[in-house]
Amino acid sequence: MEKEKYLLTLFIYALKRKETISINTLFRCVYIYMVAIDYLYGTNDFKQEIVIDSTIGVGEYSELYAALKELNSEGYISSTDVILTVNPILTQFIEELADSSTKARKDLNSIMYFVDILSSYSED
């Protein structure tokens, strides 16, 4: 599974407590996570995934949008232009993945903790 799709499934699962998820919120969480990981571990793994424009902020999400479209076409989510809804198949997929893989369980726990921290702050 490509890394963008893998990350999105984990983040969507972590955010699933909300009835609907804003695509902007999802991408913001993924972006902050990717930047934090790159900074903390010096990996530079995600430099090609997102383009930053100093005047408008984050300007390029094409890799994430492509992965999101793929998840939508596979039935894991239902989405409009700005809102997505988690389908039960995604929940089942992530739970099975986490049960069968130590790395997936570790990644999921890390992302769920990260999302909880971000969610504890007001958007204002």
N, C-alpha and C. Protein backbone atom coordinates (compact mmCIF):
# COMPACT_ATOMS: atom_id res chain seq x y z
N MET A 1 0.86 -1.18 0.00
CA MET A 1 0.00 0.00 0.00
C MET A 1 0.90 1.24 0.00
N GLU A 2 0.63 2.15 -0.88
CA GLU A 2 1.45 3.36 -0.92
C GLU A 2 1.28 4.16 0.36
N LYS A 3 2.32 4.90 0.70
CA LYS A 3 2.34 5.55 2.01
C LYS A 3 1.24 6.59 2.21
N GLU A 4 0.84 7.29 1.14
CA GLU A 4 -0.21 8.30 1.30
C GLU A 4 -1.53 7.63 1.68
N LYS A 5 -1.86 6.55 0.98
CA LYS A 5 -3.10 5.83 1.25
C LYS A 5 -3.07 5.22 2.65
N TYR A 6 -1.93 4.66 3.00
CA TYR A 6 -1.75 4.07 4.33
C TYR A 6 -1.96 5.13 5.42
N LEU A 7 -1.29 6.29 5.27
CA LEU A 7 -1.44 7.37 6.25
C LEU A 7 -2.88 7.85 6.33
N LEU A 8 -3.51 8.05 5.18
CA LEU A 8 -4.88 8.54 5.18
C LEU A 8 -5.82 7.57 5.89
N THR A 9 -5.66 6.27 5.63
CA THR A 9 -6.55 5.31 6.30
C THR A 9 -6.38 5.38 7.82
N LEU A 10 -5.14 5.50 8.27
CA LEU A 10 -4.90 5.59 9.72
C LEU A 10 -5.47 6.88 10.29
N PHE A 11 -5.29 7.99 9.60
CA PHE A 11 -5.82 9.26 10.09
C PHE A 11 -7.34 9.28 10.06
N ILE A 12 -7.93 8.76 9.02
CA ILE A 12 -9.39 8.71 8.95
C ILE A 12 -9.93 7.85 10.08
N TYR A 13 -9.29 6.73 10.34
CA TYR A 13 -9.70 5.88 11.46
C TYR A 13 -9.58 6.64 12.78
N ALA A 14 -8.50 7.37 12.95
CA ALA A 14 -8.29 8.12 14.19
C ALA A 14 -9.32 9.24 14.35
N LEU A 15 -9.77 9.79 13.24
CA LEU A 15 -10.74 10.89 13.28
C LEU A 15 -12.18 10.41 13.22
N LYS A 16 -12.41 9.10 13.14
CA LYS A 16 -13.74 8.56 12.88
C LYS A 16 -14.76 8.82 13.99
N ARG A 17 -14.32 9.26 15.13
CA ARG A 17 -15.26 9.57 16.21
C ARG A 17 -16.23 10.67 15.81
N LYS A 18 -15.78 11.51 14.86
CA LYS A 18 -16.66 12.55 14.33
C LYS A 18 -17.59 11.89 13.32
N GLU A 19 -18.83 12.36 13.25
CA GLU A 19 -19.77 11.78 12.30
C GLU A 19 -19.30 12.02 10.86
N THR A 20 -18.86 13.24 10.61
CA THR A 20 -18.27 13.57 9.31
C THR A 20 -16.93 14.24 9.55
N ILE A 21 -16.05 14.12 8.57
CA ILE A 21 -14.70 14.67 8.69
C ILE A 21 -14.48 15.65 7.56
N SER A 22 -14.02 16.82 7.89
CA SER A 22 -13.66 17.81 6.88
C SER A 22 -12.36 17.35 6.20
N ILE A 23 -12.36 17.40 4.88
CA ILE A 23 -11.15 17.02 4.15
C ILE A 23 -10.01 17.96 4.51
N ASN A 24 -10.32 19.24 4.73
CA ASN A 24 -9.28 20.19 5.15
C ASN A 24 -8.68 19.81 6.50
N THR A 25 -9.53 19.39 7.43
CA THR A 25 -9.04 18.96 8.74
C THR A 25 -8.15 17.73 8.60
N LEU A 26 -8.60 16.78 7.80
CA LEU A 26 -7.81 15.57 7.56
C LEU A 26 -6.45 15.92 6.98
N PHE A 27 -6.43 16.73 5.93
CA PHE A 27 -5.16 17.08 5.29
C PHE A 27 -4.28 17.91 6.21
N ARG A 28 -4.89 18.77 7.03
CA ARG A 28 -4.10 19.57 7.98
C ARG A 28 -3.43 18.66 9.00
N CYS A 29 -4.15 17.67 9.51
CA CYS A 29 -3.57 16.72 10.47
C CYS A 29 -2.43 15.93 9.84
N VAL A 30 -2.65 15.44 8.63
CA VAL A 30 -1.62 14.67 7.94
C VAL A 30 -0.39 15.55 7.69
N TYR A 31 -0.62 16.78 7.25
CA TYR A 31 0.48 17.70 6.97
C TYR A 31 1.31 17.99 8.24
N ILE A 32 0.64 18.31 9.33
CA ILE A 32 1.36 18.61 10.58
C ILE A 32 2.14 17.39 11.04
N TYR A 33 1.53 16.23 10.93
CA TYR A 33 2.20 14.98 11.31
C TYR A 33 3.45 14.75 10.45
N MET A 34 3.30 14.91 9.14
CA MET A 34 4.41 14.67 8.23
C MET A 34 5.57 15.64 8.49
N VAL A 35 5.24 16.90 8.72
CA VAL A 35 6.28 17.89 9.01
C VAL A 35 6.96 17.58 10.33
N ALA A 36 6.17 17.21 11.35
CA ALA A 36 6.74 16.88 12.65
C ALA A 36 7.68 15.67 12.56
N ILE A 37 7.27 14.64 11.84
CA ILE A 37 8.11 13.45 11.68
C ILE A 37 9.39 13.79 10.93
N ASP A 38 9.24 14.56 9.85
CA ASP A 38 10.43 14.97 9.10
C ASP A 38 11.40 15.77 9.97
N TYR A 39 10.84 16.69 10.76
CA TYR A 39 11.68 17.53 11.61
C TYR A 39 12.34 16.71 12.73
N LEU A 40 11.55 15.91 13.41
CA LEU A 40 12.07 15.16 14.55
C LEU A 40 13.09 14.09 14.16
N TYR A 41 12.84 13.45 13.04
CA TYR A 41 13.70 12.33 12.65
C TYR A 41 14.62 12.64 11.47
N GLY A 42 14.48 13.86 10.90
CA GLY A 42 15.35 14.26 9.80
C GLY A 42 15.25 13.36 8.58
N THR A 43 14.05 12.85 8.31
CA THR A 43 13.90 11.87 7.24
C THR A 43 13.74 12.48 5.86
N ASN A 44 13.08 13.62 5.77
CA ASN A 44 12.78 14.26 4.49
C ASN A 44 12.00 13.32 3.57
N ASP A 45 11.26 12.39 4.11
CA ASP A 45 10.49 11.44 3.30
C ASP A 45 9.35 12.08 2.54
N PHE A 46 8.81 13.16 3.07
CA PHE A 46 7.58 13.70 2.50
C PHE A 46 7.78 15.00 1.73
N LYS A 47 8.99 15.36 1.43
CA LYS A 47 9.24 16.62 0.75
C LYS A 47 8.55 16.70 -0.61
N GLN A 48 8.41 15.58 -1.30
CA GLN A 48 7.80 15.59 -2.63
C GLN A 48 6.27 15.51 -2.56
N GLU A 49 5.73 15.21 -1.40
CA GLU A 49 4.30 14.98 -1.29
C GLU A 49 3.48 16.27 -1.22
N ILE A 50 4.04 17.29 -0.56
CA ILE A 50 3.30 18.53 -0.35
C ILE A 50 4.22 19.70 -0.69
N VAL A 51 3.67 20.64 -1.43
CA VAL A 51 4.42 21.83 -1.81
C VAL A 51 3.92 22.98 -0.96
N ILE A 52 4.86 23.72 -0.37
CA ILE A 52 4.51 24.85 0.49
C ILE A 52 4.76 26.14 -0.28
N ASP A 53 3.76 26.99 -0.32
CA ASP A 53 3.89 28.31 -0.93
C ASP A 53 3.84 29.32 0.21
N SER A 54 4.86 30.14 0.35
CA SER A 54 4.95 31.04 1.51
C SER A 54 3.84 32.08 1.54
N THR A 55 3.20 32.37 0.41
CA THR A 55 2.15 33.38 0.40
C THR A 55 0.76 32.81 0.67
N ILE A 56 0.54 31.54 0.31
CA ILE A 56 -0.80 30.97 0.51
C ILE A 56 -0.80 29.77 1.44
N GLY A 57 0.35 29.38 1.92
CA GLY A 57 0.42 28.22 2.81
C GLY A 57 0.60 26.94 2.01
N VAL A 58 -0.13 25.91 2.38
CA VAL A 58 0.00 24.64 1.70
C VAL A 58 -0.69 24.75 0.35
N GLY A 59 0.06 24.48 -0.71
CA GLY A 59 -0.47 24.69 -2.04
C GLY A 59 -0.68 23.44 -2.87
N GLU A 60 -0.18 22.31 -2.48
CA GLU A 60 -0.25 21.12 -3.33
C GLU A 60 -0.52 19.88 -2.51
N TYR A 61 -1.68 19.31 -2.74
CA TYR A 61 -2.07 18.09 -2.06
C TYR A 61 -2.37 16.97 -3.06
N SER A 62 -1.86 17.06 -4.26
CA SER A 62 -2.31 16.14 -5.31
C SER A 62 -2.12 14.67 -4.95
N GLU A 63 -1.03 14.33 -4.28
CA GLU A 63 -0.81 12.94 -3.89
C GLU A 63 -1.85 12.48 -2.87
N LEU A 64 -2.18 13.36 -1.93
CA LEU A 64 -3.18 13.02 -0.93
C LEU A 64 -4.58 12.94 -1.55
N TYR A 65 -4.89 13.87 -2.47
CA TYR A 65 -6.18 13.82 -3.15
C TYR A 65 -6.32 12.54 -3.96
N ALA A 66 -5.27 12.14 -4.65
CA ALA A 66 -5.31 10.91 -5.44
C ALA A 66 -5.57 9.70 -4.54
N ALA A 67 -4.90 9.66 -3.41
CA ALA A 67 -5.10 8.56 -2.46
C ALA A 67 -6.52 8.59 -1.89
N LEU A 68 -7.03 9.79 -1.62
CA LEU A 68 -8.39 9.92 -1.10
C LEU A 68 -9.42 9.46 -2.14
N LYS A 69 -9.20 9.80 -3.40
CA LYS A 69 -10.10 9.35 -4.47
C LYS A 69 -10.09 7.83 -4.58
N GLU A 70 -8.91 7.24 -4.42
CA GLU A 70 -8.80 5.79 -4.47
C GLU A 70 -9.56 5.14 -3.32
N LEU A 71 -9.43 5.70 -2.12
CA LEU A 71 -10.17 5.17 -0.97
C LEU A 71 -11.68 5.29 -1.19
N ASN A 72 -12.10 6.39 -1.80
CA ASN A 72 -13.52 6.59 -2.11
C ASN A 72 -14.00 5.56 -3.14
N SER A 73 -13.21 5.32 -4.17
CA SER A 73 -13.62 4.37 -5.21
C SER A 73 -13.64 2.93 -4.70
N GLU A 74 -12.84 2.64 -3.69
CA GLU A 74 -12.80 1.30 -3.10
C GLU A 74 -13.86 1.10 -2.02
N GLY A 75 -14.62 2.16 -1.72
CA GLY A 75 -15.72 2.05 -0.76
C GLY A 75 -15.34 2.23 0.69
N TYR A 76 -14.10 2.61 0.97
CA TYR A 76 -13.68 2.81 2.36
C TYR A 76 -14.31 4.07 2.97
N ILE A 77 -14.53 5.07 2.13
CA ILE A 77 -15.13 6.32 2.57
C ILE A 77 -16.18 6.75 1.55
N SER A 78 -17.01 7.68 1.95
CA SER A 78 -17.91 8.38 1.04
C SER A 78 -17.54 9.85 1.17
N SER A 79 -17.33 10.52 0.05
CA SER A 79 -16.88 11.91 0.17
C SER A 79 -17.55 12.82 -0.83
N THR A 80 -17.64 14.08 -0.41
CA THR A 80 -18.03 15.16 -1.29
C THR A 80 -16.78 16.00 -1.48
N ASP A 81 -16.93 17.19 -1.97
CA ASP A 81 -15.75 18.04 -2.18
C ASP A 81 -15.07 18.44 -0.88
N VAL A 82 -15.83 18.53 0.21
CA VAL A 82 -15.24 19.03 1.46
C VAL A 82 -15.43 18.12 2.67
N ILE A 83 -16.35 17.17 2.59
CA ILE A 83 -16.68 16.32 3.74
C ILE A 83 -16.55 14.86 3.36
N LEU A 84 -16.05 14.05 4.30
CA LEU A 84 -16.04 12.62 4.06
C LEU A 84 -16.66 11.90 5.24
N THR A 85 -17.22 10.75 4.94
CA THR A 85 -17.84 9.89 5.94
C THR A 85 -17.14 8.55 5.91
N VAL A 86 -16.86 8.01 7.07
CA VAL A 86 -16.15 6.73 7.18
C VAL A 86 -17.16 5.60 7.01
N ASN A 87 -16.85 4.68 6.11
CA ASN A 87 -17.68 3.49 5.92
C ASN A 87 -17.16 2.36 6.81
N PRO A 88 -18.04 1.47 7.24
CA PRO A 88 -17.62 0.39 8.15
C PRO A 88 -16.47 -0.47 7.60
N ILE A 89 -16.35 -0.57 6.29
CA ILE A 89 -15.29 -1.39 5.70
C ILE A 89 -13.90 -0.84 6.07
N LEU A 90 -13.76 0.48 6.20
CA LEU A 90 -12.47 1.06 6.58
C LEU A 90 -12.14 0.70 8.02
N THR A 91 -13.13 0.82 8.89
CA THR A 91 -12.93 0.47 10.30
C THR A 91 -12.48 -0.98 10.44
N GLN A 92 -13.17 -1.86 9.74
CA GLN A 92 -12.83 -3.28 9.79
C GLN A 92 -11.42 -3.53 9.21
N PHE A 93 -11.11 -2.87 8.11
CA PHE A 93 -9.80 -3.03 7.48
C PHE A 93 -8.67 -2.61 8.42
N ILE A 94 -8.80 -1.45 9.05
CA ILE A 94 -7.75 -0.95 9.95
C ILE A 94 -7.62 -1.84 11.18
N GLU A 95 -8.74 -2.28 11.74
CA GLU A 95 -8.67 -3.15 12.92
C GLU A 95 -7.98 -4.48 12.59
N GLU A 96 -8.29 -5.04 11.43
CA GLU A 96 -7.63 -6.28 11.01
C GLU A 96 -6.15 -6.05 10.73
N LEU A 97 -5.83 -4.94 10.11
CA LEU A 97 -4.43 -4.61 9.82
C LEU A 97 -3.64 -4.44 11.12
N ALA A 98 -4.22 -3.72 12.07
CA ALA A 98 -3.54 -3.49 13.35
C ALA A 98 -3.37 -4.79 14.14
N ASP A 99 -4.33 -5.70 14.02
CA ASP A 99 -4.22 -6.98 14.71
C ASP A 99 -3.16 -7.89 14.09
N SER A 100 -2.92 -7.73 12.80
CA SER A 100 -2.00 -8.63 12.10
C SER A 100 -0.59 -8.08 11.94
N SER A 101 -0.38 -6.80 12.25
CA SER A 101 0.93 -6.19 12.03
C SER A 101 1.33 -5.32 13.21
N THR A 102 2.48 -5.60 13.77
CA THR A 102 3.00 -4.80 14.88
C THR A 102 3.28 -3.37 14.43
N LYS A 103 3.84 -3.21 13.22
CA LYS A 103 4.13 -1.87 12.70
C LYS A 103 2.85 -1.07 12.53
N ALA A 104 1.82 -1.69 11.97
CA ALA A 104 0.55 -0.99 11.78
C ALA A 104 -0.06 -0.60 13.12
N ARG A 105 0.02 -1.47 14.12
CA ARG A 105 -0.50 -1.16 15.45
C ARG A 105 0.27 0.02 16.05
N LYS A 106 1.58 0.01 15.91
CA LYS A 106 2.41 1.10 16.43
C LYS A 106 2.08 2.41 15.71
N ASP A 107 1.97 2.36 14.38
CA ASP A 107 1.63 3.55 13.61
C ASP A 107 0.26 4.09 13.99
N LEU A 108 -0.71 3.19 14.14
CA LEU A 108 -2.06 3.60 14.50
C LEU A 108 -2.08 4.24 15.89
N ASN A 109 -1.41 3.65 16.85
CA ASN A 109 -1.37 4.23 18.20
C ASN A 109 -0.72 5.61 18.18
N SER A 110 0.35 5.74 17.44
CA SER A 110 1.04 7.02 17.32
C SER A 110 0.14 8.09 16.71
N ILE A 111 -0.55 7.73 15.65
CA ILE A 111 -1.43 8.69 14.96
C ILE A 111 -2.65 9.02 15.81
N MET A 112 -3.21 8.03 16.49
CA MET A 112 -4.36 8.31 17.34
C MET A 112 -3.97 9.25 18.49
N TYR A 113 -2.81 9.05 19.06
CA TYR A 113 -2.32 9.94 20.11
C TYR A 113 -2.11 11.35 19.54
N PHE A 114 -1.50 11.43 18.36
CA PHE A 114 -1.25 12.71 17.70
C PHE A 114 -2.56 13.44 17.42
N VAL A 115 -3.55 12.74 16.90
CA VAL A 115 -4.86 13.35 16.60
C VAL A 115 -5.54 13.82 17.89
N ASP A 116 -5.43 13.05 18.96
CA ASP A 116 -6.01 13.46 20.24
C ASP A 116 -5.38 14.75 20.73
N ILE A 117 -4.08 14.88 20.57
CA ILE A 117 -3.39 16.11 20.98
C ILE A 117 -3.90 17.29 20.15
N LEU A 118 -3.94 17.11 18.82
CA LEU A 118 -4.41 18.20 17.96
C LEU A 118 -5.86 18.55 18.24
N SER A 119 -6.67 17.56 18.50
CA SER A 119 -8.10 17.79 18.76
C SER A 119 -8.36 18.49 20.07
N SER A 120 -7.42 18.44 20.98
CA SER A 120 -7.60 19.07 22.27
C SER A 120 -7.43 20.60 22.20
N TYR A 121 -6.89 21.08 21.08
CA TYR A 121 -6.71 22.52 20.91
C TYR A 121 -7.87 23.09 20.13
N SER A 122 -8.27 24.31 20.49
CA SER A 122 -9.33 25.00 19.78
C SER A 122 -8.85 25.42 18.41
N GLU A 123 -9.73 25.41 17.42
CA GLU A 123 -9.39 25.84 16.06
C GLU A 123 -9.18 27.35 16.01
N ASP A 124 -9.64 28.09 17.02
CA ASP A 124 -9.54 29.56 17.00
C ASP A 124 -8.21 30.04 17.39
